[in-house]
């Protein structure tokens, strides 16, 4: 008797259960469609480092426009340009009909960003400042572009490479480094910059690491007094000006780096941009500071 009653109740509930399943399936499908619709199909990048991250995430086809000086990878040079990251053209951005614009607080003008928002263009702003921010920035861009797994993979690899550099630098004798980013006047880097972090992680000591001024101007007397073992130069039009600047340093034999011919140039794109290539910059600096133990790229375990 009880079994028959249970069967009747089950039969009565079955249509509602099935209907509920249909509703739930429809909701899941709807959520999936909504999620897919949020994934951008036309992205405009407002800084070279953002462009590099987008390409690293495999978003070549989705990149509708980039800024001038977006030189890496080579495919970035063929993308439509929307001005420099400081002087952007709102008109050019609008013409590209983006469904996502990614900008940076490190250079993009607030007025330009606000104007894009008023027009109704979806805009996302990143704000990397410290070395560690490279990892969170990649993950952040991966999330808003639907490339979380790719971002996770990139960050995992980058962290492995950084850990390798840290490990081999644990017991080294640290040379004193002067990092030159400005020529006339001479400008260097303080302890609140990513350059300072690169020097420290690569096994060096920033001779101007006591100052919290981001990019202090210094005179030759200060540099002589700081006695750097190595001078790194990153601010010029590649090798075309390097020999001329190096000759200027030759006058100051009192400086150990000059006396021992330890003046090197490093591509500023590898030290200024918050992109995956920042880690390549770290590896190159490590190789320059400690060529005896690090090739800067191989045998990472």
C-alpha atoms as a PDB file:
ATOM      1  CA  UNK A   1       0.000   0.000   0.000  1.00  0.00           C
ATOM      2  CA  UNK A   2       2.801   2.368   0.991  1.00  0.00           C
ATOM      3  CA  UNK A   3       4.749   1.463  -2.189  1.00  0.00           C
ATOM      4  CA  UNK A   4       1.787   2.312  -4.412  1.00  0.00           C
ATOM      5  CA  UNK A   5       1.354   5.649  -2.669  1.00  0.00           C
ATOM      6  CA  UNK A   6       5.053   6.472  -3.172  1.00  0.00           C
ATOM      7  CA  UNK A   7       4.792   5.632  -6.896  1.00  0.00           C
ATOM      8  CA  UNK A   8       1.808   7.944  -7.299  1.00  0.00           C
ATOM      9  CA  UNK A   9       3.658  10.830  -5.620  1.00  0.00           C
ATOM     10  CA  UNK A  10       6.716  10.196  -7.803  1.00  0.00           C
ATOM     11  CA  UNK A  11       4.593  10.232 -10.952  1.00  0.00           C
ATOM     12  CA  UNK A  12       2.996  13.512  -9.912  1.00  0.00           C
ATOM     13  CA  UNK A  13       6.370  15.140  -9.233  1.00  0.00           C
ATOM     14  CA  UNK A  14       8.110  13.857 -12.353  1.00  0.00           C
ATOM     15  CA  UNK A  15       6.769  16.488 -14.802  1.00  0.00           C
ATOM     16  CA  UNK A  16       7.800  19.295 -12.433  1.00  0.00           C
ATOM     17  CA  UNK A  17      11.220  17.773 -11.915  1.00  0.00           C
ATOM     18  CA  UNK A  18      11.713  17.538 -15.675  1.00  0.00           C
ATOM     19  CA  UNK A  19      10.484  21.108 -16.145  1.00  0.00           C
ATOM     20  CA  UNK A  20      12.893  22.264 -13.431  1.00  0.00           C
ATOM     21  CA  UNK A  21      15.717  20.475 -15.230  1.00  0.00           C
ATOM     22  CA  UNK A  22      14.861  22.298 -18.445  1.00  0.00           C
ATOM     23  CA  UNK A  23      14.803  25.631 -16.657  1.00  0.00           C
ATOM     24  CA  UNK A  24      18.157  24.919 -15.009  1.00  0.00           C
ATOM     25  CA  UNK A  25      19.682  23.823 -18.331  1.00  0.00           C
ATOM     26  CA  UNK A  26      18.399  26.966 -19.984  1.00  0.00           C
ATOM     27  CA  UNK A  27      19.883  29.094 -17.186  1.00  0.00           C
ATOM     28  CA  UNK A  28      23.275  27.385 -17.517  1.00  0.00           C
ATOM     29  CA  UNK A  29      23.208  27.798 -21.290  1.00  0.00           C
ATOM     30  CA  UNK A  30      22.197  31.419 -20.893  1.00  0.00           C
ATOM     31  CA  UNK A  31      25.022  32.042 -18.428  1.00  0.00           C
ATOM     32  CA  UNK A  32      27.462  30.395 -20.830  1.00  0.00           C
ATOM     33  CA  UNK A  33      26.240  32.543 -23.713  1.00  0.00           C
ATOM     34  CA  UNK A  34      26.457  35.642 -21.520  1.00  0.00           C
ATOM     35  CA  UNK A  35      30.012  34.715 -20.514  1.00  0.00           C
ATOM     36  CA  UNK A  36      30.987  34.197 -24.164  1.00  0.00           C
ATOM     37  CA  UNK A  37      29.449  37.534 -25.118  1.00  0.00           C
ATOM     38  CA  UNK A  38      31.704  39.269 -22.562  1.00  0.00           C
ATOM     39  CA  UNK A  39      34.847  37.907 -24.165  1.00  0.00           C
ATOM     40  CA  UNK A  40      36.205  40.785 -26.292  1.00  0.00           C
ATOM     41  CA  UNK A  41      36.547  40.333 -30.034  1.00  0.00           C
ATOM     42  CA  UNK A  42      38.107  43.724 -30.843  1.00  0.00           C
ATOM     43  CA  UNK A  43      40.712  45.010 -28.379  1.00  0.00           C
ATOM     44  CA  UNK A  44      42.626  48.278 -28.537  1.00  0.00           C
ATOM     45  CA  UNK A  45      45.841  48.444 -26.516  1.00  0.00           C
ATOM     46  CA  UNK A  46      46.945  51.823 -25.199  1.00  0.00           C
ATOM     47  CA  UNK A  47      50.565  50.946 -24.312  1.00  0.00           C
ATOM     48  CA  UNK A  48      53.365  48.789 -25.774  1.00  0.00           C
ATOM     49  CA  UNK A  49      53.612  46.540 -22.708  1.00  0.00           C
ATOM     50  CA  UNK A  50      49.869  45.817 -22.860  1.00  0.00           C
ATOM     51  CA  UNK A  51      50.287  44.921 -26.524  1.00  0.00           C
ATOM     52  CA  UNK A  52      53.055  42.468 -25.665  1.00  0.00           C
ATOM     53  CA  UNK A  53      50.900  40.789 -23.023  1.00  0.00           C
ATOM     54  CA  UNK A  54      47.949  40.471 -25.422  1.00  0.00           C
ATOM     55  CA  UNK A  55      50.142  38.794 -28.027  1.00  0.00           C
ATOM     56  CA  UNK A  56      51.641  36.496 -25.385  1.00  0.00           C
ATOM     57  CA  UNK A  57      48.078  35.439 -24.521  1.00  0.00           C
ATOM     58  CA  UNK A  58      47.469  34.482 -28.146  1.00  0.00           C
ATOM     59  CA  UNK A  59      45.120  37.364 -28.936  1.00  0.00           C
ATOM     60  CA  UNK A  60      46.673  38.370 -32.259  1.00  0.00           C
ATOM     61  CA  UNK A  61      43.365  38.236 -34.157  1.00  0.00           C
ATOM     62  CA  UNK A  62      41.484  40.116 -31.448  1.00  0.00           C
ATOM     63  CA  UNK A  63      43.895  43.072 -31.360  1.00  0.00           C
ATOM     64  CA  UNK A  64      42.260  45.839 -33.405  1.00  0.00           C
ATOM     65  CA  UNK A  65      44.721  48.623 -32.648  1.00  0.00           C
ATOM     66  CA  UNK A  66      47.884  49.518 -30.728  1.00  0.00           C
ATOM     67  CA  UNK A  67      49.993  52.571 -29.910  1.00  0.00           C
ATOM     68  CA  UNK A  68      53.107  53.832 -31.646  1.00  0.00           C
ATOM     69  CA  UNK A  69      56.326  52.122 -30.523  1.00  0.00           C
ATOM     70  CA  UNK A  70      54.481  48.831 -30.072  1.00  0.00           C
ATOM     71  CA  UNK A  71      57.397  47.115 -31.736  1.00  0.00           C
ATOM     72  CA  UNK A  72      57.166  43.615 -30.276  1.00  0.00           C
ATOM     73  CA  UNK A  73      56.316  41.119 -31.528  1.00  0.00           C
ATOM     74  CA  UNK A  74      56.831  41.990 -35.187  1.00  0.00           C
ATOM     75  CA  UNK A  75      53.130  41.461 -35.889  1.00  0.00           C
ATOM     76  CA  UNK A  76      52.354  44.403 -33.591  1.00  0.00           C
ATOM     77  CA  UNK A  77      54.035  46.749 -36.051  1.00  0.00           C
ATOM     78  CA  UNK A  78      51.379  45.908 -38.645  1.00  0.00           C
ATOM     79  CA  UNK A  79      48.426  46.771 -36.417  1.00  0.00           C
ATOM     80  CA  UNK A  80      46.556  50.115 -36.842  1.00  0.00           C
ATOM     81  CA  UNK A  81      48.000  52.856 -34.632  1.00  0.00           C
ATOM     82  CA  UNK A  82      45.998  55.109 -32.308  1.00  0.00           C
ATOM     83  CA  UNK A  83      48.768  57.558 -31.348  1.00  0.00           C
ATOM     84  CA  UNK A  84      51.413  57.342 -28.628  1.00  0.00           C
ATOM     85  CA  UNK A  85      50.425  56.060 -25.209  1.00  0.00           C
ATOM     86  CA  UNK A  86      50.720  59.638 -23.906  1.00  0.00           C
ATOM     87  CA  UNK A  87      49.013  61.387 -26.844  1.00  0.00           C
ATOM     88  CA  UNK A  88      46.163  59.142 -27.926  1.00  0.00           C
ATOM     89  CA  UNK A  89      43.654  59.836 -30.688  1.00  0.00           C
ATOM     90  CA  UNK A  90      40.133  59.196 -29.439  1.00  0.00           C
ATOM     91  CA  UNK A  91      38.869  59.473 -33.008  1.00  0.00           C
ATOM     92  CA  UNK A  92      41.167  56.695 -34.225  1.00  0.00           C
ATOM     93  CA  UNK A  93      40.149  54.498 -31.289  1.00  0.00           C
ATOM     94  CA  UNK A  94      36.432  54.994 -31.983  1.00  0.00           C
ATOM     95  CA  UNK A  95      36.856  54.241 -35.705  1.00  0.00           C
ATOM     96  CA  UNK A  96      38.309  50.817 -34.796  1.00  0.00           C
ATOM     97  CA  UNK A  97      35.008  50.005 -33.032  1.00  0.00           C
ATOM     98  CA  UNK A  98      36.560  48.196 -30.032  1.00  0.00           C
ATOM     99  CA  UNK A  99      34.541  46.232 -27.504  1.00  0.00           C
ATOM    100  CA  UNK A 100      37.430  46.571 -25.018  1.00  0.00           C
ATOM    101  CA  UNK A 101      40.142  49.192 -24.570  1.00  0.00           C
ATOM    102  CA  UNK A 102      42.977  48.381 -22.154  1.00  0.00           C
ATOM    103  CA  UNK A 103      44.950  51.343 -20.852  1.00  0.00           C
ATOM    104  CA  UNK A 104      47.548  52.083 -18.213  1.00  0.00           C
ATOM    105  CA  UNK A 105      47.734  54.550 -15.375  1.00  0.00           C
ATOM    106  CA  UNK A 106      51.443  54.831 -16.190  1.00  0.00           C
ATOM    107  CA  UNK A 107      51.193  57.281 -19.065  1.00  0.00           C
ATOM    108  CA  UNK A 108      47.669  57.408 -20.493  1.00  0.00           C
ATOM    109  CA  UNK A 109      46.009  60.748 -19.828  1.00  0.00           C
ATOM    110  CA  UNK A 110      43.035  60.576 -17.478  1.00  0.00           C
ATOM    111  CA  UNK A 111      41.031  62.955 -19.700  1.00  0.00           C
ATOM    112  CA  UNK A 112      41.386  60.576 -22.641  1.00  0.00           C
ATOM    113  CA  UNK A 113      40.268  57.586 -20.584  1.00  0.00           C
ATOM    114  CA  UNK A 114      37.294  59.533 -19.212  1.00  0.00           C
ATOM    115  CA  UNK A 115      36.317  60.586 -22.730  1.00  0.00           C
ATOM    116  CA  UNK A 116      36.289  56.952 -23.882  1.00  0.00           C
ATOM    117  CA  UNK A 117      34.111  56.035 -20.900  1.00  0.00           C
ATOM    118  CA  UNK A 118      31.640  58.838 -21.685  1.00  0.00           C
ATOM    119  CA  UNK A 119      31.345  57.570 -25.249  1.00  0.00           C
ATOM    120  CA  UNK A 120      30.386  54.208 -23.805  1.00  0.00           C
ATOM    121  CA  UNK A 121      33.491  52.213 -24.741  1.00  0.00           C
ATOM    122  CA  UNK A 122      34.353  49.488 -22.246  1.00  0.00           C
ATOM    123  CA  UNK A 123      37.711  50.472 -20.766  1.00  0.00           C
ATOM    124  CA  UNK A 124      39.976  48.672 -18.322  1.00  0.00           C
ATOM    125  CA  UNK A 125      42.989  50.342 -16.699  1.00  0.00           C
ATOM    126  CA  UNK A 126      46.020  48.524 -15.310  1.00  0.00           C
ATOM    127  CA  UNK A 127      48.430  50.134 -12.851  1.00  0.00           C
ATOM    128  CA  UNK A 128      51.665  48.148 -12.437  1.00  0.00           C
ATOM    129  CA  UNK A 129      54.338  49.848 -10.350  1.00  0.00           C
ATOM    130  CA  UNK A 130      56.542  47.222  -8.670  1.00  0.00           C
ATOM    131  CA  UNK A 131      58.361  44.222 -10.112  1.00  0.00           C
ATOM    132  CA  UNK A 132      55.847  41.755  -8.633  1.00  0.00           C
ATOM    133  CA  UNK A 133      53.036  43.559 -10.459  1.00  0.00           C
ATOM    134  CA  UNK A 134      54.064  41.951 -13.748  1.00  0.00           C
ATOM    135  CA  UNK A 135      52.515  38.676 -12.591  1.00  0.00           C
ATOM    136  CA  UNK A 136      49.217  40.133 -11.361  1.00  0.00           C
ATOM    137  CA  UNK A 137      48.971  42.318 -14.479  1.00  0.00           C
ATOM    138  CA  UNK A 138      49.215  39.318 -16.809  1.00  0.00           C
ATOM    139  CA  UNK A 139      46.605  37.452 -14.763  1.00  0.00           C
ATOM    140  CA  UNK A 140      44.337  40.517 -14.740  1.00  0.00           C
ATOM    141  CA  UNK A 141      44.483  40.932 -18.511  1.00  0.00           C
ATOM    142  CA  UNK A 142      44.037  37.191 -18.955  1.00  0.00           C
ATOM    143  CA  UNK A 143      40.846  37.346 -16.881  1.00  0.00           C
ATOM    144  CA  UNK A 144      39.192  40.224 -18.768  1.00  0.00           C
ATOM    145  CA  UNK A 145      40.049  38.699 -22.159  1.00  0.00           C
ATOM    146  CA  UNK A 146      38.933  35.146 -21.388  1.00  0.00           C
ATOM    147  CA  UNK A 147      42.481  33.764 -21.406  1.00  0.00           C
ATOM    148  CA  UNK A 148      42.884  32.748 -17.762  1.00  0.00           C
ATOM    149  CA  UNK A 149      44.554  29.403 -18.431  1.00  0.00           C
ATOM    150  CA  UNK A 150      47.072  30.953 -20.830  1.00  0.00           C
ATOM    151  CA  UNK A 151      47.834  33.689 -18.296  1.00  0.00           C
ATOM    152  CA  UNK A 152      48.322  31.131 -15.528  1.00  0.00           C
ATOM    153  CA  UNK A 153      50.742  29.183 -17.709  1.00  0.00           C
ATOM    154  CA  UNK A 154      52.762  32.295 -18.611  1.00  0.00           C
ATOM    155  CA  UNK A 155      52.992  33.441 -14.991  1.00  0.00           C
ATOM    156  CA  UNK A 156      54.035  29.985 -13.822  1.00  0.00           C
ATOM    157  CA  UNK A 157      56.890  29.951 -16.341  1.00  0.00           C
ATOM    158  CA  UNK A 158      57.985  33.503 -15.508  1.00  0.00           C
ATOM    159  CA  UNK A 159      58.030  32.774 -11.782  1.00  0.00           C
ATOM    160  CA  UNK A 160      60.125  29.667 -12.422  1.00  0.00           C
ATOM    161  CA  UNK A 161      62.675  31.756 -14.304  1.00  0.00           C
ATOM    162  CA  UNK A 162      62.781  34.408 -11.577  1.00  0.00           C
ATOM    163  CA  UNK A 163      63.200  31.718  -8.918  1.00  0.00           C
ATOM    164  CA  UNK A 164      66.136  30.325 -10.871  1.00  0.00           C
ATOM    165  CA  UNK A 165      67.888  33.699 -10.959  1.00  0.00           C
ATOM    166  CA  UNK A 166      67.227  34.215  -7.231  1.00  0.00           C
ATOM    167  CA  UNK A 167      68.612  30.787  -6.429  1.00  0.00           C
ATOM    168  CA  UNK A 168      71.901  31.204  -8.284  1.00  0.00           C
ATOM    169  CA  UNK A 169      72.420  34.681  -6.820  1.00  0.00           C
ATOM    170  CA  UNK A 170      72.084  33.616  -3.180  1.00  0.00           C
ATOM    171  CA  UNK A 171      75.826  33.441  -2.466  1.00  0.00           C
ATOM    172  CA  UNK A 172      77.350  35.819  -5.024  1.00  0.00           C
ATOM    173  CA  UNK A 173      79.424  38.871  -4.244  1.00  0.00           C
ATOM    174  CA  UNK A 174      77.261  41.784  -5.313  1.00  0.00           C
ATOM    175  CA  UNK A 175      78.874  44.414  -7.590  1.00  0.00           C
ATOM    176  CA  UNK A 176      77.900  48.070  -7.237  1.00  0.00           C
ATOM    177  CA  UNK A 177      75.700  49.179 -10.156  1.00  0.00           C
ATOM    178  CA  UNK A 178      74.977  52.600 -11.621  1.00  0.00           C
ATOM    179  CA  UNK A 179      71.908  52.390 -13.852  1.00  0.00           C
ATOM    180  CA  UNK A 180      71.752  55.297 -16.303  1.00  0.00           C
ATOM    181  CA  UNK A 181      68.422  56.100 -17.956  1.00  0.00           C
ATOM    182  CA  UNK A 182      69.091  59.735 -18.878  1.00  0.00           C
ATOM    183  CA  UNK A 183      72.150  61.147 -20.624  1.00  0.00           C
ATOM    184  CA  UNK A 184      71.923  64.955 -20.563  1.00  0.00           C
ATOM    185  CA  UNK A 185      71.329  65.461 -17.684  1.00  0.00           C
ATOM    186  CA  UNK A 186      72.446  62.184 -16.128  1.00  0.00           C
ATOM    187  CA  UNK A 187      69.418  60.458 -14.600  1.00  0.00           C
ATOM    188  CA  UNK A 188      69.427  57.241 -12.617  1.00  0.00           C
ATOM    189  CA  UNK A 189      66.928  55.108 -10.637  1.00  0.00           C
ATOM    190  CA  UNK A 190      65.875  55.161  -6.984  1.00  0.00           C
ATOM    191  CA  UNK A 191      64.723  52.315  -4.774  1.00  0.00           C
ATOM    192  CA  UNK A 192      61.043  52.633  -5.693  1.00  0.00           C
ATOM    193  CA  UNK A 193      61.554  51.668  -9.337  1.00  0.00           C
ATOM    194  CA  UNK A 194      61.336  48.371 -11.186  1.00  0.00           C
ATOM    195  CA  UNK A 195      64.943  48.949 -12.310  1.00  0.00           C
ATOM    196  CA  UNK A 196      66.099  48.858  -8.688  1.00  0.00           C
ATOM    197  CA  UNK A 197      64.337  45.523  -8.222  1.00  0.00           C
ATOM    198  CA  UNK A 198      65.940  44.136 -11.380  1.00  0.00           C
ATOM    199  CA  UNK A 199      69.398  45.096 -10.089  1.00  0.00           C
ATOM    200  CA  UNK A 200      68.776  43.565  -6.666  1.00  0.00           C
ATOM    201  CA  UNK A 201      67.289  40.306  -7.957  1.00  0.00           C
ATOM    202  CA  UNK A 202      70.080  39.996 -10.544  1.00  0.00           C
ATOM    203  CA  UNK A 203      72.683  40.040  -7.793  1.00  0.00           C
ATOM    204  CA  UNK A 204      73.764  43.679  -7.735  1.00  0.00           C
ATOM    205  CA  UNK A 205      73.633  46.732  -5.476  1.00  0.00           C
ATOM    206  CA  UNK A 206      72.094  49.933  -6.772  1.00  0.00           C
ATOM    207  CA  UNK A 207      74.556  52.695  -5.814  1.00  0.00           C
ATOM    208  CA  UNK A 208      71.637  55.124  -5.652  1.00  0.00           C
ATOM    209  CA  UNK A 209      69.453  52.701  -3.726  1.00  0.00           C
ATOM    210  CA  UNK A 210      69.260  54.973  -0.698  1.00  0.00           C
ATOM    211  CA  UNK A 211      67.052  57.515  -2.446  1.00  0.00           C
ATOM    212  CA  UNK A 212      63.284  57.183  -2.727  1.00  0.00           C
ATOM    213  CA  UNK A 213      63.157  59.678  -5.587  1.00  0.00           C
ATOM    214  CA  UNK A 214      62.055  57.643  -8.575  1.00  0.00           C
ATOM    215  CA  UNK A 215      64.450  59.069 -11.158  1.00  0.00           C
ATOM    216  CA  UNK A 216      66.964  61.415  -9.532  1.00  0.00           C
ATOM    217  CA  UNK A 217      69.314  63.662 -11.463  1.00  0.00           C
ATOM    218  CA  UNK A 218      72.915  63.168 -10.396  1.00  0.00           C
ATOM    219  CA  UNK A 219      76.230  64.820 -11.152  1.00  0.00           C
ATOM    220  CA  UNK A 220      79.546  63.216 -11.976  1.00  0.00           C
ATOM    221  CA  UNK A 221      80.924  63.930  -8.494  1.00  0.00           C
ATOM    222  CA  UNK A 222      78.157  61.831  -6.937  1.00  0.00           C
ATOM    223  CA  UNK A 223      78.858  58.978  -9.335  1.00  0.00           C
ATOM    224  CA  UNK A 224      82.600  59.072  -8.647  1.00  0.00           C
ATOM    225  CA  UNK A 225      81.894  59.003  -4.904  1.00  0.00           C
ATOM    226  CA  UNK A 226      79.559  56.009  -5.285  1.00  0.00           C
ATOM    227  CA  UNK A 227      82.314  54.021  -7.088  1.00  0.00           C
ATOM    228  CA  UNK A 228      80.163  51.715  -9.249  1.00  0.00           C
ATOM    229  CA  UNK A 229      81.735  48.480 -10.477  1.00  0.00           C
ATOM    230  CA  UNK A 230      79.381  48.340 -13.468  1.00  0.00           C
ATOM    231  CA  UNK A 231      77.492  50.988 -15.411  1.00  0.00           C
ATOM    232  CA  UNK A 232      74.317  49.935 -17.241  1.00  0.00           C
ATOM    233  CA  UNK A 233      72.873  52.322 -19.830  1.00  0.00           C
ATOM    234  CA  UNK A 234      69.329  51.896 -21.125  1.00  0.00           C
ATOM    235  CA  UNK A 235      68.206  55.237 -22.523  1.00  0.00           C
ATOM    236  CA  UNK A 236      69.267  55.882 -26.083  1.00  0.00           C
ATOM    237  CA  UNK A 237      68.487  54.930 -29.656  1.00  0.00           C
ATOM    238  CA  UNK A 238      70.055  51.532 -29.362  1.00  0.00           C
ATOM    239  CA  UNK A 239      73.725  51.047 -30.313  1.00  0.00           C
ATOM    240  CA  UNK A 240      73.810  54.105 -32.588  1.00  0.00           C
ATOM    241  CA  UNK A 241      74.652  56.403 -29.647  1.00  0.00           C
ATOM    242  CA  UNK A 242      76.247  53.903 -27.309  1.00  0.00           C
ATOM    243  CA  UNK A 243      79.857  54.391 -28.368  1.00  0.00           C
ATOM    244  CA  UNK A 244      79.564  58.174 -28.060  1.00  0.00           C
ATOM    245  CA  UNK A 245      78.140  57.926 -24.538  1.00  0.00           C
ATOM    246  CA  UNK A 246      80.703  55.318 -23.594  1.00  0.00           C
ATOM    247  CA  UNK A 247      83.479  57.666 -24.765  1.00  0.00           C
ATOM    248  CA  UNK A 248      82.084  60.350 -22.461  1.00  0.00           C
ATOM    249  CA  UNK A 249      82.532  57.991 -19.517  1.00  0.00           C
ATOM    250  CA  UNK A 250      86.144  57.244 -20.514  1.00  0.00           C
ATOM    251  CA  UNK A 251      87.230  60.574 -19.035  1.00  0.00           C
ATOM    252  CA  UNK A 252      86.485  59.370 -15.526  1.00  0.00           C
ATOM    253  CA  UNK A 253      89.093  56.713 -14.803  1.00  0.00           C
ATOM    254  CA  UNK A 254      88.466  57.166 -11.074  1.00  0.00           C
ATOM    255  CA  UNK A 255      85.286  55.110 -11.537  1.00  0.00           C
ATOM    256  CA  UNK A 256      85.958  51.335 -11.279  1.00  0.00           C
ATOM    257  CA  UNK A 257      83.425  50.553 -14.034  1.00  0.00           C
ATOM    258  CA  UNK A 258      85.241  52.888 -16.426  1.00  0.00           C
ATOM    259  CA  UNK A 259      88.709  51.706 -15.430  1.00  0.00           C
ATOM    260  CA  UNK A 260      87.760  48.051 -15.937  1.00  0.00           C
ATOM    261  CA  UNK A 261      85.666  48.614 -19.090  1.00  0.00           C
ATOM    262  CA  UNK A 262      82.453  47.452 -17.429  1.00  0.00           C
ATOM    263  CA  UNK A 263      80.004  49.749 -19.209  1.00  0.00           C
ATOM    264  CA  UNK A 264      77.110  47.973 -20.919  1.00  0.00           C
ATOM    265  CA  UNK A 265      73.960  48.913 -22.781  1.00  0.00           C
ATOM    266  CA  UNK A 266      70.688  47.083 -22.253  1.00  0.00           C
ATOM    267  CA  UNK A 267      67.544  47.330 -24.351  1.00  0.00           C
ATOM    268  CA  UNK A 268      65.203  49.663 -22.455  1.00  0.00           C
ATOM    269  CA  UNK A 269      62.204  47.698 -23.740  1.00  0.00           C
ATOM    270  CA  UNK A 270      63.382  44.839 -21.499  1.00  0.00           C
ATOM    271  CA  UNK A 271      63.596  46.986 -18.371  1.00  0.00           C
ATOM    272  CA  UNK A 272      60.854  49.604 -18.778  1.00  0.00           C
ATOM    273  CA  UNK A 273      57.878  47.563 -19.959  1.00  0.00           C
ATOM    274  CA  UNK A 274      55.662  45.527 -17.642  1.00  0.00           C
ATOM    275  CA  UNK A 275      55.442  42.641 -20.088  1.00  0.00           C
ATOM    276  CA  UNK A 276      56.735  39.046 -20.028  1.00  0.00           C
ATOM    277  CA  UNK A 277      59.992  40.335 -21.528  1.00  0.00           C
ATOM    278  CA  UNK A 278      60.766  42.078 -18.235  1.00  0.00           C
ATOM    279  CA  UNK A 279      62.019  38.689 -17.051  1.00  0.00           C
ATOM    280  CA  UNK A 280      64.274  38.496 -20.100  1.00  0.00           C
ATOM    281  CA  UNK A 281      65.645  41.862 -18.993  1.00  0.00           C
ATOM    282  CA  UNK A 282      66.304  40.408 -15.543  1.00  0.00           C
ATOM    283  CA  UNK A 283      68.168  37.463 -17.074  1.00  0.00           C
ATOM    284  CA  UNK A 284      70.296  39.734 -19.246  1.00  0.00           C
ATOM    285  CA  UNK A 285      71.243  41.954 -16.320  1.00  0.00           C
ATOM    286  CA  UNK A 286      72.120  38.851 -14.285  1.00  0.00           C
ATOM    287  CA  UNK A 287      74.364  37.651 -17.119  1.00  0.00           C
ATOM    288  CA  UNK A 288      76.123  41.027 -17.322  1.00  0.00           C
ATOM    289  CA  UNK A 289      76.649  41.249 -13.574  1.00  0.00           C
ATOM    290  CA  UNK A 290      77.685  37.618 -13.111  1.00  0.00           C
ATOM    291  CA  UNK A 291      78.859  36.113 -16.420  1.00  0.00           C
ATOM    292  CA  UNK A 292      80.840  33.510 -14.490  1.00  0.00           C
ATOM    293  CA  UNK A 293      77.733  31.751 -13.167  1.00  0.00           C
ATOM    294  CA  UNK A 294      74.808  32.799 -15.328  1.00  0.00           C
ATOM    295  CA  UNK A 295      74.219  32.709 -19.054  1.00  0.00           C
ATOM    296  CA  UNK A 296      70.941  34.547 -18.493  1.00  0.00           C
ATOM    297  CA  UNK A 297      68.802  32.060 -20.346  1.00  0.00           C
ATOM    298  CA  UNK A 298      69.747  28.408 -20.235  1.00  0.00           C
ATOM    299  CA  UNK A 299      69.803  25.526 -17.776  1.00  0.00           C
ATOM    300  CA  UNK A 300      66.913  26.845 -15.672  1.00  0.00           C
ATOM    301  CA  UNK A 301      65.811  24.033 -13.388  1.00  0.00           C
END
